[in-house]
Amino acid sequence: MDLARQEAVTWRNRALLLFDRVAMPVAVCDVYGAVLLANPAMAAECGRTPGQLRGRDVLDLFSPREATQVERIAEALRLRHRSRYQVSVRWRAPGGAERSGELTADPVSDTAEDTPALLVMLRVDPERAPSPAAPAEQARVTPTEARILSLLAVGATTARASRETGLTTDGVTYHLRRLSSRWGASNRTELVARAYALGVLTPGVWPPEVSGTEA
């Protein structure tokens, strides 16, 4: 028994050494999602040390895109189903940038009767590289986009922009989403600020005036 116990400790230590050296972010959680063990790669995604993640809820660290995914997994675990579960998530990297990826959870235990732990792995989506010609291209807006931007600059609502441009509210929202994606703006205030910075709207002029447009 002593020899068997010693071999078990040896293999456990080897497994932990491998666990720490794996480049992919990996953690072991209890059935409720609390982190029991995390490797350095997982901790680095959260800007913490492995020890600081212990006891944290993995879904507080990585926010699910769809709550229904989590509900289905919780129900499956309650019924002791042993399948691989995947959850699309978002989180803030240590530098503040928003990242996205997918958590994969595999139930693991010594026997089928034991309450399983969860082996959780994180796949990180690749970051998009900015376009080299971004500044010149980003400053090009259509007359409709320019009109919407000038209305935003005076505090117009989507409904008012819809009336002023003859578009539906969905049409206005569509143009705003396109501009936000192109300029990396997270809200309307940032969108207007970018319009001034790129010279789409003329600084120092009220009411806001469009500097120039392209069809």
Protein backbone atom coordinates (compact mmCIF):
# COMPACT_ATOMS: atom_id res chain seq x y z
CA MET A 1 0.00 0.00 0.00
CA ASP A 2 2.85 2.35 0.78
CA LEU A 3 4.37 1.75 -2.65
CA ALA A 4 1.03 2.30 -4.36
CA ARG A 5 0.49 5.51 -2.42
CA GLN A 6 3.98 6.72 -3.31
CA GLU A 7 3.39 6.00 -7.02
CA ALA A 8 0.09 7.89 -6.86
CA VAL A 9 1.82 10.93 -5.36
CA THR A 10 4.55 10.75 -8.03
CA TRP A 11 2.02 10.68 -10.87
CA ARG A 12 0.02 13.47 -9.26
CA ASN A 13 3.12 15.67 -9.10
CA ARG A 14 3.94 14.91 -12.73
CA ALA A 15 0.39 15.78 -13.76
CA LEU A 16 0.54 19.09 -11.88
CA LEU A 17 3.87 19.95 -13.51
CA LEU A 18 2.38 19.28 -16.95
CA PHE A 19 -0.78 21.21 -16.00
CA ASP A 20 1.31 24.29 -15.15
CA ARG A 21 3.30 24.10 -18.39
CA VAL A 22 0.37 23.74 -20.78
CA ALA A 23 0.13 26.86 -22.97
CA MET A 24 -3.66 26.65 -23.22
CA PRO A 25 -5.61 28.28 -20.34
CA VAL A 26 -6.91 25.41 -18.19
CA ALA A 27 -8.67 25.17 -14.82
CA VAL A 28 -10.32 22.53 -12.66
CA CYS A 29 -13.64 23.62 -11.12
CA ASP A 30 -16.15 21.99 -8.84
CA VAL A 31 -19.59 21.10 -10.17
CA TYR A 32 -20.83 24.61 -9.29
CA GLY A 33 -18.09 26.33 -11.31
CA ALA A 34 -15.81 27.43 -8.43
CA VAL A 35 -12.13 27.26 -9.43
CA LEU A 36 -10.17 24.61 -7.55
CA LEU A 37 -6.99 24.83 -9.59
CA ALA A 38 -5.84 27.06 -12.46
CA ASN A 39 -2.71 27.03 -14.57
CA PRO A 40 -0.62 30.19 -15.21
CA ALA A 41 -2.06 30.60 -18.72
CA MET A 42 -5.61 30.78 -17.34
CA ALA A 43 -4.58 33.19 -14.60
CA ALA A 44 -2.80 35.43 -17.12
CA GLU A 45 -6.05 35.91 -19.06
CA CYS A 46 -7.54 37.42 -15.89
CA GLY A 47 -4.46 39.42 -14.85
CA ARG A 48 -4.10 37.35 -11.67
CA THR A 49 -1.99 34.56 -10.22
CA PRO A 50 -3.28 30.96 -10.13
CA GLY A 51 -3.75 31.20 -6.35
CA GLN A 52 -5.91 34.32 -6.70
CA LEU A 53 -8.37 32.44 -8.93
CA ARG A 54 -9.00 29.71 -6.35
CA GLY A 55 -12.61 29.84 -5.16
CA ARG A 56 -13.71 32.31 -7.86
CA ASP A 57 -16.72 31.44 -10.03
CA VAL A 58 -15.38 30.81 -13.52
CA LEU A 59 -18.47 32.47 -15.04
CA ASP A 60 -17.75 35.65 -13.06
CA LEU A 61 -14.33 35.74 -14.70
CA PHE A 62 -15.63 34.92 -18.19
CA SER A 63 -19.11 36.25 -18.97
CA PRO A 64 -21.35 33.93 -21.05
CA ARG A 65 -22.80 35.44 -24.21
CA GLU A 66 -26.00 33.43 -23.74
CA ALA A 67 -27.46 32.62 -20.31
CA THR A 68 -29.41 29.71 -21.79
CA GLN A 69 -26.15 27.86 -22.47
CA VAL A 70 -25.31 27.91 -18.76
CA GLU A 71 -28.81 26.84 -17.75
CA ARG A 72 -28.65 23.79 -20.05
CA ILE A 73 -25.27 22.78 -18.65
CA ALA A 74 -26.45 23.16 -15.03
CA GLU A 75 -29.46 20.95 -15.73
CA ALA A 76 -27.31 18.32 -17.49
CA LEU A 77 -24.88 18.22 -14.55
CA ARG A 78 -27.75 17.92 -12.09
CA LEU A 79 -28.90 14.84 -14.03
CA ARG A 80 -25.28 13.54 -14.00
CA HIS A 81 -24.94 13.62 -17.78
CA ARG A 82 -21.29 13.28 -18.75
CA SER A 83 -20.95 15.20 -21.98
CA ARG A 84 -18.62 17.95 -23.17
CA TYR A 85 -20.15 21.39 -22.66
CA GLN A 86 -19.22 24.57 -24.50
CA VAL A 87 -19.99 28.18 -23.58
CA SER A 88 -19.19 31.26 -25.68
CA VAL A 89 -17.72 33.94 -23.40
CA ARG A 90 -16.34 37.49 -23.26
CA TRP A 91 -13.93 39.04 -20.76
CA ARG A 92 -11.60 41.97 -20.20
CA ALA A 93 -7.91 41.30 -20.77
CA PRO A 94 -5.43 42.83 -18.27
CA GLY A 95 -4.82 45.75 -20.67
CA GLY A 96 -8.54 46.56 -20.78
CA ALA A 97 -9.29 45.18 -24.25
CA GLU A 98 -12.40 43.05 -24.63
CA ARG A 99 -11.66 39.50 -25.71
CA SER A 100 -13.86 36.60 -26.70
CA GLY A 101 -13.57 32.85 -26.91
CA GLU A 102 -15.08 29.57 -25.84
CA LEU A 103 -14.97 27.66 -22.57
CA THR A 104 -15.09 23.88 -22.88
CA ALA A 105 -15.99 21.90 -19.75
CA ASP A 106 -15.53 18.14 -19.39
CA PRO A 107 -16.91 16.37 -16.28
CA VAL A 108 -14.19 14.19 -14.70
CA SER A 109 -14.23 11.87 -11.68
CA ASP A 110 -12.67 8.60 -10.50
CA THR A 111 -15.95 6.68 -10.77
CA ALA A 112 -19.33 7.22 -12.40
CA GLU A 113 -20.93 7.51 -8.96
CA ASP A 114 -18.68 10.33 -7.74
CA THR A 115 -19.74 13.95 -8.07
CA PRO A 116 -17.68 15.14 -11.03
CA ALA A 117 -15.27 18.04 -11.17
CA LEU A 118 -15.05 20.10 -14.35
CA LEU A 119 -11.93 20.29 -16.48
CA VAL A 120 -12.31 23.71 -18.10
CA MET A 121 -10.29 24.84 -21.12
CA LEU A 122 -10.40 28.29 -22.73
CA ARG A 123 -10.01 28.83 -26.47
CA VAL A 124 -9.21 32.48 -27.17
CA ASP A 125 -10.46 34.01 -30.42
CA PRO A 126 -7.66 35.63 -32.45
CA GLU A 127 -7.48 39.40 -32.23
CA ARG A 128 -8.24 41.35 -35.36
CA ALA A 129 -5.36 43.33 -36.81
CA PRO A 130 -6.21 46.94 -37.73
CA SER A 131 -6.23 47.84 -41.42
CA PRO A 132 -3.05 49.71 -42.53
CA ALA A 133 -5.17 52.15 -44.53
CA ALA A 134 -7.64 52.70 -41.68
CA PRO A 135 -7.33 56.51 -41.15
CA ALA A 136 -8.02 57.44 -44.79
CA GLU A 137 -10.70 54.82 -45.28
CA GLN A 138 -12.45 55.50 -41.98
CA ALA A 139 -12.95 59.19 -42.80
CA ARG A 140 -15.06 58.29 -45.82
CA VAL A 141 -18.77 58.39 -45.00
CA THR A 142 -21.87 58.52 -47.14
CA PRO A 143 -24.10 61.61 -47.13
CA THR A 144 -26.66 59.66 -45.07
CA GLU A 145 -24.04 58.65 -42.50
CA ALA A 146 -22.77 62.22 -42.31
CA ARG A 147 -26.30 63.54 -41.75
CA ILE A 148 -26.90 61.00 -38.97
CA LEU A 149 -23.60 61.98 -37.32
CA SER A 150 -24.47 65.68 -37.39
CA LEU A 151 -27.83 64.89 -35.79
CA LEU A 152 -26.15 62.81 -33.09
CA ALA A 153 -23.81 65.71 -32.38
CA VAL A 154 -26.79 67.88 -31.38
CA GLY A 155 -28.21 65.10 -29.19
CA ALA A 156 -30.85 63.74 -31.56
CA THR A 157 -32.54 60.46 -30.64
CA THR A 158 -32.86 57.55 -33.06
CA ALA A 159 -36.50 58.51 -33.63
CA ARG A 160 -35.59 62.10 -34.53
CA ALA A 161 -32.75 60.96 -36.81
CA SER A 162 -35.26 58.65 -38.47
CA ARG A 163 -37.67 61.55 -39.14
CA GLU A 164 -34.92 63.91 -40.34
CA THR A 165 -33.33 61.42 -42.77
CA GLY A 166 -36.46 59.63 -43.95
CA LEU A 167 -35.09 56.28 -42.75
CA THR A 168 -36.76 53.81 -40.44
CA THR A 169 -35.39 53.58 -36.90
CA ASP A 170 -33.89 50.21 -37.88
CA GLY A 171 -32.21 51.92 -40.84
CA VAL A 172 -30.63 54.53 -38.56
CA THR A 173 -29.50 51.81 -36.17
CA TYR A 174 -27.96 49.89 -39.07
CA HIS A 175 -25.83 52.89 -40.10
CA LEU A 176 -24.79 53.53 -36.49
CA ARG A 177 -23.68 49.92 -36.09
CA ARG A 178 -21.63 50.10 -39.27
CA LEU A 179 -19.92 53.29 -38.15
CA SER A 180 -19.33 51.95 -34.63
CA SER A 181 -17.73 48.80 -36.02
CA ARG A 182 -15.57 50.73 -38.47
CA TRP A 183 -14.37 53.24 -35.88
CA GLY A 184 -14.24 50.97 -32.85
CA ALA A 185 -16.70 53.17 -30.93
CA SER A 186 -18.58 51.63 -28.00
CA ASN A 187 -21.26 54.34 -27.69
CA ARG A 188 -22.68 57.39 -29.45
CA THR A 189 -20.49 59.86 -27.59
CA GLU A 190 -17.39 58.08 -28.87
CA LEU A 191 -18.93 57.96 -32.35
CA VAL A 192 -19.36 61.76 -32.45
CA ALA A 193 -15.86 62.27 -31.01
CA ARG A 194 -14.40 60.09 -33.76
CA ALA A 195 -16.34 62.03 -36.39
CA TYR A 196 -14.68 65.26 -35.23
CA ALA A 197 -11.26 63.61 -34.89
CA LEU A 198 -11.42 62.25 -38.45
CA GLY A 199 -12.62 65.56 -39.88
CA VAL A 200 -16.04 64.29 -40.87
CA LEU A 201 -17.60 67.05 -38.72
CA THR A 202 -16.02 70.51 -38.64
CA PRO A 203 -14.57 71.42 -35.21
CA GLY A 204 -15.59 74.73 -33.62
CA VAL A 205 -18.80 75.09 -35.64
CA TRP A 206 -22.36 75.09 -34.25
CA PRO A 207 -24.69 73.65 -35.28
CA PRO A 208 -22.48 70.75 -36.38
CA GLU A 209 -21.39 71.01 -39.98
CA VAL A 210 -20.29 68.21 -42.26
CA SER A 211 -16.77 68.78 -43.64
CA GLY A 212 -17.26 66.64 -46.73
CA THR A 213 -18.93 63.43 -47.85
CA GLU A 214 -18.55 60.67 -50.41
CA ALA A 215 -21.35 58.66 -51.94
